[in-house]
Protein backbone atom coordinates (compact mmCIF):
# COMPACT_ATOMS: atom_id res chain seq x y z
CA MET A 1 0.06 0.05 0.00
CA THR A 2 1.43 3.36 -1.00
CA PHE A 3 1.93 6.14 1.52
CA ASN A 4 -0.82 8.42 0.06
CA MET A 5 -3.31 5.50 -0.16
CA ARG A 6 -2.73 4.66 3.46
CA ALA A 7 -3.29 8.19 4.54
CA THR A 8 -6.43 8.48 2.40
CA LEU A 9 -7.89 5.31 3.83
CA LEU A 10 -7.23 6.37 7.41
CA PHE A 11 -8.85 9.70 6.96
CA ALA A 12 -11.84 8.04 5.24
CA PHE A 13 -12.20 5.62 8.15
CA VAL A 14 -12.32 8.49 10.56
CA ALA A 15 -14.77 10.40 8.48
CA VAL A 16 -17.02 7.21 8.45
CA LEU A 17 -16.99 7.24 12.32
CA PHE A 18 -18.40 10.76 12.38
CA VAL A 19 -20.95 9.98 9.76
CA LEU A 20 -22.10 6.77 11.64
CA GLU A 21 -22.41 8.92 14.84
CA GLY A 22 -24.82 11.24 13.08
CA THR A 23 -26.90 8.64 11.21
CA THR A 24 -26.81 5.31 13.06
CA THR A 25 -28.18 4.11 16.39
CA VAL A 26 -26.44 0.75 16.41
CA TRP A 27 -23.98 -0.17 19.18
CA ILE A 28 -22.43 3.05 20.67
CA PHE A 29 -23.59 5.43 17.91
CA SER A 30 -26.19 7.94 18.97
CA GLY A 31 -27.63 8.71 15.60
CA SER A 32 -27.53 12.41 16.37
CA TRP A 33 -25.85 14.97 14.15
CA ASN A 34 -25.76 17.31 17.23
CA THR A 35 -23.48 14.95 18.89
CA SER A 36 -21.43 14.23 15.90
CA LEU A 37 -20.87 17.90 15.05
CA GLY A 38 -20.12 18.59 18.76
CA ILE A 39 -17.37 15.97 18.66
CA LEU A 40 -16.15 17.20 15.33
CA ASN A 41 -15.76 20.93 16.50
CA MET A 42 -13.64 19.90 19.48
CA ALA A 43 -11.67 17.50 17.30
CA LEU A 44 -10.90 20.56 14.94
CA ILE A 45 -9.66 22.56 17.90
CA SER A 46 -7.59 19.72 19.18
CA ALA A 47 -6.08 19.24 15.72
CA ILE A 48 -4.80 22.80 15.84
CA MET A 49 -3.23 22.18 19.30
CA ALA A 50 -1.64 19.02 17.86
CA LEU A 51 -0.19 20.95 14.90
CA GLY A 52 1.33 23.37 17.37
CA VAL A 53 2.97 20.53 19.30
CA ASN A 54 4.06 18.89 16.12
CA LEU A 55 5.92 22.09 15.11
CA GLN A 56 7.87 21.96 18.30
CA TRP A 57 8.44 18.23 18.63
CA GLY A 58 8.06 16.90 15.03
CA PHE A 59 10.08 19.66 13.48
CA ALA A 60 12.60 20.53 16.22
CA GLY A 61 12.55 17.87 18.91
CA LEU A 62 11.45 20.28 21.63
CA PHE A 63 9.69 18.42 24.46
CA ASN A 64 7.03 20.86 25.65
CA VAL A 65 4.69 19.63 28.37
CA GLY A 66 3.32 23.03 29.15
CA ILE A 67 0.61 23.10 26.41
CA MET A 68 -2.04 23.68 29.07
CA GLY A 69 -0.58 27.03 29.97
CA PHE A 70 -0.51 28.40 26.50
CA VAL A 71 -4.08 27.16 25.86
CA ALA A 72 -5.18 28.94 29.06
CA LEU A 73 -3.56 32.19 27.84
CA GLY A 74 -5.52 31.89 24.63
CA GLY A 75 -8.68 31.55 26.66
CA LEU A 76 -7.78 34.67 28.64
CA ALA A 77 -7.24 36.60 25.38
CA THR A 78 -10.97 35.96 24.52
CA VAL A 79 -12.06 37.57 27.77
CA LEU A 80 -9.69 40.54 27.43
CA VAL A 81 -10.83 41.27 23.85
CA SER A 82 -14.45 40.34 23.61
CA MET A 83 -16.02 41.15 27.13
CA PRO A 84 -17.11 44.73 27.87
CA PRO A 85 -15.19 46.88 30.51
CA SER A 86 -16.55 46.30 33.95
CA PRO A 87 -18.54 49.43 35.13
CA GLY A 88 -16.19 51.46 37.36
CA GLY A 89 -13.46 48.84 37.31
CA PHE A 90 -10.81 50.88 35.51
CA ALA A 91 -11.57 54.07 37.30
CA ALA A 92 -11.30 52.32 40.75
CA GLY A 93 -7.82 50.69 40.19
CA GLY A 94 -7.02 50.32 36.49
CA LEU A 95 -4.16 52.79 36.56
CA GLY A 96 -2.85 51.46 39.80
CA ILE A 97 -2.72 47.86 38.48
CA ILE A 98 -0.99 48.96 35.27
CA SER A 99 1.45 51.03 37.28
CA GLY A 100 2.20 48.19 39.64
CA LEU A 101 2.85 45.77 36.75
CA LEU A 102 5.18 48.31 35.09
CA MET A 103 6.97 48.72 38.40
CA GLY A 104 7.40 44.98 38.71
CA ALA A 105 8.68 44.70 35.13
CA ALA A 106 11.10 47.66 35.69
CA THR A 107 12.49 45.99 38.86
CA LEU A 108 13.30 42.86 36.98
CA PHE A 109 14.84 44.85 34.15
CA VAL A 110 17.02 46.87 36.46
CA ALA A 111 18.21 43.66 38.25
CA ILE A 112 19.01 42.01 35.04
CA TYR A 113 20.90 45.07 33.86
CA ALA A 114 22.92 45.23 37.07
CA TYR A 115 23.78 41.56 36.78
CA GLY A 116 25.06 41.99 33.30
CA HIS A 117 27.02 45.29 33.78
CA MET A 118 28.47 45.07 37.30
CA PRO A 119 31.61 43.19 38.03
CA LYS A 120 31.16 39.80 39.59
CA GLY A 121 31.48 39.72 43.46
CA ARG A 122 29.74 40.69 46.67
CA THR A 123 28.86 44.14 45.52
CA ARG A 124 26.85 42.92 42.61
CA THR A 125 25.01 40.43 44.77
CA LEU A 126 24.06 42.99 47.37
CA ALA A 127 23.04 45.48 44.70
CA MET A 128 20.72 42.88 43.07
CA LEU A 129 19.19 41.93 46.41
CA ALA A 130 18.60 45.62 47.30
CA ILE A 131 16.95 46.26 43.75
CA LEU A 132 14.73 43.22 44.05
CA ILE A 133 13.64 43.77 47.71
CA VAL A 134 12.97 47.55 47.34
CA GLY A 135 11.25 47.02 43.97
CA PHE A 136 8.99 44.23 45.38
CA PHE A 137 7.79 46.33 48.33
CA VAL A 138 7.13 49.43 46.06
CA TYR A 139 5.28 47.09 43.58
CA ARG A 140 3.06 45.59 46.30
CA ALA A 141 2.41 49.11 47.68
CA ILE A 142 1.01 50.22 44.26
CA PHE A 143 -0.54 46.95 43.06
CA ASP A 144 -2.38 45.63 46.08
CA PRO A 145 -4.62 48.65 46.94
CA ALA A 146 -5.64 48.86 43.20
CA VAL A 147 -6.48 45.16 43.04
CA ALA A 148 -8.51 45.40 46.20
CA ALA A 149 -10.48 48.37 44.87
CA VAL A 150 -11.30 46.61 41.60
CA GLU A 151 -12.29 43.30 43.22
CA ALA A 152 -14.57 45.09 45.64
CA ILE A 153 -16.87 46.38 42.85
CA THR A 154 -19.84 43.99 42.64
CA PRO A 155 -17.82 40.82 43.22
CA ALA A 156 -20.76 38.59 42.66
CA SER A 157 -21.06 39.57 38.93
CA THR A 158 -17.86 41.24 38.03
CA GLY A 159 -14.96 42.21 40.35
CA ASN A 160 -12.63 42.43 37.46
CA LEU A 161 -11.49 44.99 34.88
CA GLY A 162 -13.31 43.33 32.03
CA GLY A 163 -12.32 43.48 28.45
CA LEU A 164 -12.04 45.84 25.45
CA ASN A 165 -15.40 45.38 23.81
CA PHE A 166 -16.29 49.10 24.01
CA GLY A 167 -19.75 50.37 23.31
CA ASP A 168 -22.99 49.95 25.06
CA PRO A 169 -22.43 47.21 27.62
CA ALA A 170 -26.07 46.10 27.38
CA THR A 171 -25.52 45.12 23.72
CA TYR A 172 -22.00 43.76 23.78
CA LYS A 173 -23.23 40.28 22.81
CA GLU A 174 -24.42 41.74 19.50
CA ARG A 175 -20.76 42.55 18.71
CA GLY A 176 -19.80 38.88 18.58
CA TRP A 177 -17.49 39.53 15.58
CA VAL A 178 -15.11 41.03 18.07
CA THR A 179 -14.48 37.57 19.53
CA LEU A 180 -12.82 36.52 16.22
CA LEU A 181 -10.21 39.17 16.87
CA SER A 182 -9.31 37.48 20.11
CA TRP A 183 -8.06 34.36 18.27
CA PRO A 184 -4.88 36.01 16.89
CA VAL A 185 -4.53 37.93 20.18
CA GLY A 186 -4.57 34.52 21.98
CA GLY A 187 -1.67 33.46 19.73
CA ILE A 188 0.19 36.69 20.56
CA LEU A 189 -0.26 36.20 24.33
CA ALA A 190 0.96 32.61 24.08
CA ALA A 191 3.87 33.62 21.86
CA GLY A 192 4.92 36.33 24.36
CA ALA A 193 4.92 33.81 27.20
CA ALA A 194 6.85 31.39 25.07
CA TRP A 195 9.44 33.96 24.35
CA ILE A 196 10.01 34.45 28.16
CA VAL A 197 10.04 30.69 28.78
CA GLY A 198 12.25 30.08 25.83
CA LYS A 199 14.88 32.68 26.74
CA ALA A 200 15.21 31.08 30.14
CA ALA A 201 14.79 27.39 29.46
CA LEU A 202 15.72 26.54 25.83
CA GLY A 203 19.44 26.20 26.78
CA LEU A 204 18.50 23.32 29.12
CA ARG A 205 18.54 19.68 28.25
CA SER A 206 15.28 18.22 27.05
CA ASP A 207 14.15 16.71 30.36
CA TYR A 208 14.87 20.01 32.13
CA LEU A 209 12.94 21.88 29.41
CA ALA A 210 9.99 19.56 30.05
CA ILE A 211 10.05 20.31 33.73
CA ALA A 212 10.40 24.14 33.08
CA THR A 213 7.48 24.25 30.60
CA MET A 214 5.32 22.13 33.00
CA GLY A 215 6.04 24.63 35.78
CA VAL A 216 5.19 27.62 33.67
CA ALA A 217 1.92 26.04 32.62
CA GLU A 218 0.94 25.55 36.26
CA ILE A 219 1.90 29.20 36.99
CA CYS A 220 -0.36 30.48 34.16
CA VAL A 221 -3.35 28.44 35.33
CA ALA A 222 -2.67 29.48 38.97
CA ILE A 223 -2.65 33.12 37.97
CA LEU A 224 -6.08 32.69 36.18
CA LYS A 225 -7.44 30.92 39.28
CA ASN A 226 -6.27 33.45 41.80
CA GLU A 227 -6.09 36.94 40.15
CA ASP A 228 -9.78 37.92 40.25
CA TRP A 229 -9.14 41.37 38.92
CA LEU A 230 -7.95 39.77 35.68
CA SER A 231 -10.20 36.69 35.10
CA ARG A 232 -12.55 36.50 38.12
CA GLY A 233 -10.61 33.43 39.27
CA VAL A 234 -12.60 30.36 40.09
CA LYS A 235 -15.79 32.35 39.96
CA ASN A 236 -15.51 32.09 36.14
CA ILE A 237 -16.61 34.44 33.34
CA ILE A 238 -19.74 33.59 31.46
CA GLY A 239 -21.62 35.20 28.56
CA ILE A 240 -18.63 35.60 26.29
CA PRO A 241 -20.16 36.89 22.93
CA ARG A 242 -20.31 34.42 20.01
CA PRO A 243 -19.40 35.05 16.42
CA VAL A 244 -22.36 32.95 15.31
CA PRO A 245 -26.09 33.46 15.97
CA TYR A 246 -27.78 32.36 19.25
CA GLU A 247 -30.11 29.33 19.00
CA VAL A 248 -32.96 31.16 20.68
CA ASP A 249 -32.77 33.99 18.06
CA LEU A 250 -32.86 31.43 15.25
CA GLN A 251 -35.88 29.73 16.84
CA ASN A 252 -37.79 33.03 16.86
CA THR A 253 -37.02 33.77 13.20
CA PRO A 254 -39.91 32.68 11.00
CA SER A 255 -37.84 32.15 7.89
CA PHE A 256 -35.41 29.84 9.76
CA VAL A 257 -38.29 27.89 11.32
CA GLU A 258 -39.87 27.40 7.82
CA ARG A 259 -36.52 26.27 6.40
CA ALA A 260 -36.10 23.80 9.31
CA ALA A 261 -39.61 22.41 8.73
CA SER A 262 -38.76 21.83 4.99
CA PHE A 263 -35.90 19.50 6.16
CA GLY A 264 -38.28 17.72 8.58
CA LEU A 265 -36.46 19.25 11.72
CA ASP A 266 -37.92 20.95 14.74
CA PRO A 267 -36.56 24.51 15.36
CA THR A 268 -34.65 23.53 18.50
CA THR A 269 -32.68 20.74 16.74
CA ALA A 270 -32.22 22.70 13.56
CA SER A 271 -30.92 25.71 15.42
CA THR A 272 -28.26 23.74 17.42
CA ILE A 273 -27.09 21.86 14.20
CA TYR A 274 -26.90 25.16 12.33
CA VAL A 275 -24.82 26.82 15.01
CA LYS A 276 -22.46 23.87 15.24
CA LEU A 277 -22.07 23.82 11.59
CA LEU A 278 -21.10 27.53 11.52
CA TYR A 279 -18.54 26.92 14.19
CA GLY A 280 -17.31 23.92 12.27
CA VAL A 281 -16.76 26.08 9.18
CA LEU A 282 -14.83 28.70 11.17
CA PHE A 283 -12.63 26.18 12.84
CA ALA A 284 -11.97 24.18 9.68
CA ALA A 285 -10.92 27.38 7.94
CA VAL A 286 -8.41 28.15 10.63
CA LEU A 287 -7.17 24.53 10.75
CA LEU A 288 -6.67 24.41 6.99
CA PHE A 289 -4.83 27.77 6.97
CA ILE A 290 -2.51 26.68 9.74
CA LEU A 291 -2.00 23.27 8.06
CA TRP A 292 -1.19 25.00 4.77
CA LEU A 293 1.40 27.24 6.53
CA ALA A 294 2.88 24.22 8.39
CA GLU A 295 3.21 22.21 5.21
CA ARG A 296 4.84 25.11 3.36
CA ALA A 297 7.24 25.50 6.26
CA LEU A 298 8.00 21.82 6.41
CA LYS A 299 9.03 21.69 2.70
CA SER A 300 10.93 24.98 2.77
CA PRO A 301 14.63 25.42 3.33
CA TRP A 302 13.72 26.58 6.86
CA GLY A 303 11.93 23.35 7.50
CA ARG A 304 14.84 21.25 6.23
CA MET A 305 17.09 23.22 8.52
CA MET A 306 14.87 22.61 11.54
CA ARG A 307 14.87 18.87 10.85
CA ALA A 308 18.59 18.90 10.53
CA ILE A 309 18.92 20.63 13.91
CA ARG A 310 16.50 18.07 15.43
CA ASP A 311 18.44 15.12 14.02
CA ASN A 312 21.94 16.36 14.92
CA GLU A 313 22.39 19.58 16.77
CA VAL A 314 26.14 19.37 16.84
CA ALA A 315 26.44 18.98 13.05
CA ALA A 316 23.92 21.76 12.40
CA GLU A 317 25.85 24.08 14.70
CA ALA A 318 29.13 23.26 12.98
CA MET A 319 27.44 24.31 9.67
CA GLY A 320 26.95 27.72 11.23
CA LYS A 321 23.30 27.44 12.41
CA ASP A 322 22.26 29.26 15.60
CA VAL A 323 20.60 26.27 17.21
CA THR A 324 19.26 28.18 20.30
CA ARG A 325 17.73 30.94 18.21
CA ARG A 326 16.08 28.55 15.92
CA HIS A 327 14.69 26.60 18.86
CA LEU A 328 13.31 29.75 20.37
CA GLN A 329 11.71 30.60 17.02
CA ILE A 330 9.82 27.38 16.59
CA PHE A 331 8.96 27.21 20.18
CA ILE A 332 7.21 30.58 19.93
CA LEU A 333 5.42 29.50 16.69
CA GLY A 334 4.15 26.30 18.16
CA SER A 335 2.96 28.00 21.36
CA ALA A 336 1.22 30.66 19.39
CA VAL A 337 -0.78 27.95 17.55
CA CYS A 338 -1.81 26.46 20.86
CA GLY A 339 -2.91 29.92 22.04
CA ILE A 340 -5.10 30.31 19.03
CA ALA A 341 -6.73 26.96 19.76
CA GLY A 342 -7.24 28.02 23.33
CA ALA A 343 -9.09 31.14 22.25
CA MET A 344 -11.22 29.12 19.94
CA MET A 345 -12.19 26.72 22.62
CA THR A 346 -13.26 29.46 25.04
CA THR A 347 -15.26 30.92 22.19
CA ILE A 348 -17.31 27.77 21.63
CA ASP A 349 -17.82 27.34 25.39
CA SER A 350 -18.85 31.07 25.85
CA GLN A 351 -17.14 30.97 29.15
CA LEU A 352 -13.74 30.98 30.83
CA THR A 353 -13.42 28.44 33.58
CA PRO A 354 -9.82 28.29 34.91
CA GLY A 355 -10.52 25.24 36.99
CA THR A 356 -11.09 23.03 33.88
CA TYR A 357 -7.55 23.46 32.59
CA GLN A 358 -6.06 20.03 33.53
CA PRO A 359 -2.83 18.55 32.21
CA LEU A 360 -4.69 15.27 31.29
CA ARG A 361 -6.77 17.01 28.70
CA PHE A 362 -4.55 19.77 27.48
CA THR A 363 -1.08 18.08 27.59
CA PHE A 364 -1.26 14.30 27.84
CA LEU A 365 -4.16 13.93 25.34
CA ILE A 366 -2.53 16.27 22.81
CA TRP A 367 0.69 14.40 22.97
CA VAL A 368 -1.15 11.12 22.40
CA MET A 369 -2.64 12.61 19.30
CA VAL A 370 0.72 13.66 17.89
CA ILE A 371 2.42 10.43 18.73
CA LEU A 372 -0.41 8.20 17.50
CA GLY A 373 -0.89 10.12 14.29
CA GLY A 374 2.79 10.44 13.45
CA SER A 375 5.17 13.13 14.80
CA GLY A 376 6.90 15.11 12.12
CA ASN A 377 3.92 14.69 9.74
CA ASN A 378 1.33 17.53 9.92
CA PHE A 379 -1.46 15.31 8.44
CA GLY A 380 -0.66 12.63 10.85
CA SER A 381 -1.14 15.03 13.79
CA VAL A 382 -4.47 16.08 12.40
CA LEU A 383 -5.56 12.43 11.88
CA GLY A 384 -4.50 11.62 15.49
CA ALA A 385 -6.50 14.43 16.77
CA PHE A 386 -9.74 13.36 15.07
CA LEU A 387 -9.34 9.74 15.98
CA VAL A 388 -8.20 10.25 19.63
CA TRP A 389 -10.86 12.79 20.41
CA TRP A 390 -13.66 10.65 18.95
CA LEU A 391 -12.41 7.77 21.05
CA TRP A 392 -12.13 10.02 24.12
CA VAL A 393 -15.74 10.99 23.87
CA GLN A 394 -17.09 7.53 22.77
CA VAL A 395 -15.08 5.22 25.08
CA GLU A 396 -17.26 5.75 28.09
CA PRO A 397 -20.58 4.70 26.32
CA MET A 398 -18.49 1.94 24.77
CA GLY A 399 -17.51 0.77 28.32
CA LEU A 400 -21.22 0.90 29.44
CA TRP A 401 -22.19 -1.19 26.49
CA LEU A 402 -19.45 -3.73 27.17
CA SER A 403 -20.33 -3.95 30.87
CA ASP A 404 -24.00 -4.42 30.01
CA THR A 405 -23.26 -7.11 27.47
CA LEU A 406 -20.91 -9.04 29.81
CA THR A 407 -23.34 -8.91 32.79
CA ALA A 408 -26.63 -9.26 30.84
CA GLY A 409 -27.57 -12.43 32.75
CA LEU A 410 -27.05 -10.89 36.20
CA ALA A 411 -29.45 -9.07 38.36
CA ASP A 412 -29.43 -5.29 38.55
CA ASP A 413 -28.27 -5.32 42.18
CA ASN A 414 -25.52 -7.85 41.64
CA TRP A 415 -22.20 -6.58 42.99
CA PHE A 416 -20.23 -7.57 39.85
CA ARG A 417 -22.75 -5.84 37.57
CA ILE A 418 -22.63 -2.64 39.67
CA ARG A 419 -18.78 -2.76 39.82
CA MET A 420 -18.48 -3.11 35.95
CA GLN A 421 -20.91 -0.22 35.38
CA ASP A 422 -18.97 2.02 37.82
CA ALA A 423 -15.67 1.14 36.03
CA ALA A 424 -17.00 2.25 32.65
CA ALA A 425 -16.22 5.87 33.55
CA HIS A 426 -12.48 4.94 33.79
CA MET A 427 -12.29 3.22 30.42
CA ARG A 428 -10.97 6.40 28.84
CA LEU A 429 -7.58 6.36 30.55
CA PHE A 430 -7.29 2.66 30.05
CA THR A 431 -8.14 2.89 26.35
CA MET A 432 -5.84 5.73 25.68
CA GLY A 433 -2.94 3.97 27.32
CA LEU A 434 -3.66 0.70 25.53
CA LEU A 435 -4.04 2.44 22.18
CA LEU A 436 -0.69 4.27 22.67
CA LEU A 437 1.03 0.99 23.55
CA VAL A 438 -0.37 -0.88 20.59
CA VAL A 439 0.58 1.88 18.10
CA LEU A 440 4.05 2.26 19.52
CA ARG A 441 4.49 -1.57 19.27
CA PHE A 442 3.26 -2.13 15.77
CA SER A 443 3.75 1.34 14.14
CA PRO A 444 6.34 3.20 16.28
CA ARG A 445 6.43 6.20 13.89
CA GLY A 446 2.65 6.68 14.09
CA LEU A 447 -0.34 5.87 11.72
CA ILE A 448 1.02 8.28 9.08
CA PRO A 449 4.74 8.48 9.77
CA GLU A 450 7.06 11.30 8.60
CA LYS A 451 8.34 10.78 5.08
């Protein structure tokens, strides 16, 4: 079987799974296009995350386990761009917060400058300590009162600065197109964080880089959970405007109701399918654009250089390539792609919930997608994302069907039947681990390996 034929058949197989989910009620399939499109939309977003990781690992061999943090920054960008300013928030402490953050950044800059321009010795150490200690107390003196003032304003509903969706706050949801602007902003925020991480950690060995990126991801999520003035913390932000129509508006539109009836659909079902289709078109357009750019990069001289660095850093450096600079470059690009995906995910959820950012979903699962699909191959990463996410959603009902089948002859209150039904919820982790082991054993380079 040729390489292209294998890839085509695998993508066709995954497409059949989604079609069966929408049309068939046999076995684990629900026969609902709502469910199928919901899985598809999250698979599209996951495919974008997988492409970002494949840029870093497949192109350059960078082991980034901080994907969760960059995805969370993308979600924050959606809030900062698309939500309206909180009434009275900026007047109460906005300038103080900005001044405090600038003071903190200036303190770090001065300390770094002193370290680089003062002669090594006790004087330099004492000067840096003095700069950091004095700067810290000045920063807290400016920052803390401003934060307290902002968080005291109607904490039950806002308590934060809000976003940049200016205009009438009562009609901010009607300006849903602004949310689309947050997607590239999410990439910029993630890229900025990646630059900071890369400058500090890309000189480390791969295992230390993994530890550093994991720590930064936890820091990003901890900030979102605790800085109420920024993201309302664990109180969450809901009602983020959507770039597509609301279902209730469609259900109250006579022309849409008539069109739905012509397809034999009730308005509620038709509206949810229509909205998910629109999201799918937007997400697919972004995925195809990023995939096109990634393929162009892979086949360019720049892509060949990155793979040469990945395969033998010493040889590439001997040929005059700045390995650290190129690593920083692709680390920023891959993180920016993850940030875009994070903004898209927050958009479809219409809410920012920092407590849901878990390493299992936003790091481990994305890595499974890349490894299973084929690292170094952009199409392999996309295939892995679709297949793994479909399995992630469907494995639990699959486990329930299996437990019911195996215990069909037992009474409903039988201890073994109850135990098997309770265990179905844990089938996801077991299946992902088993799938990864099988693929690594029989196809170590993935389902669609790098050419």
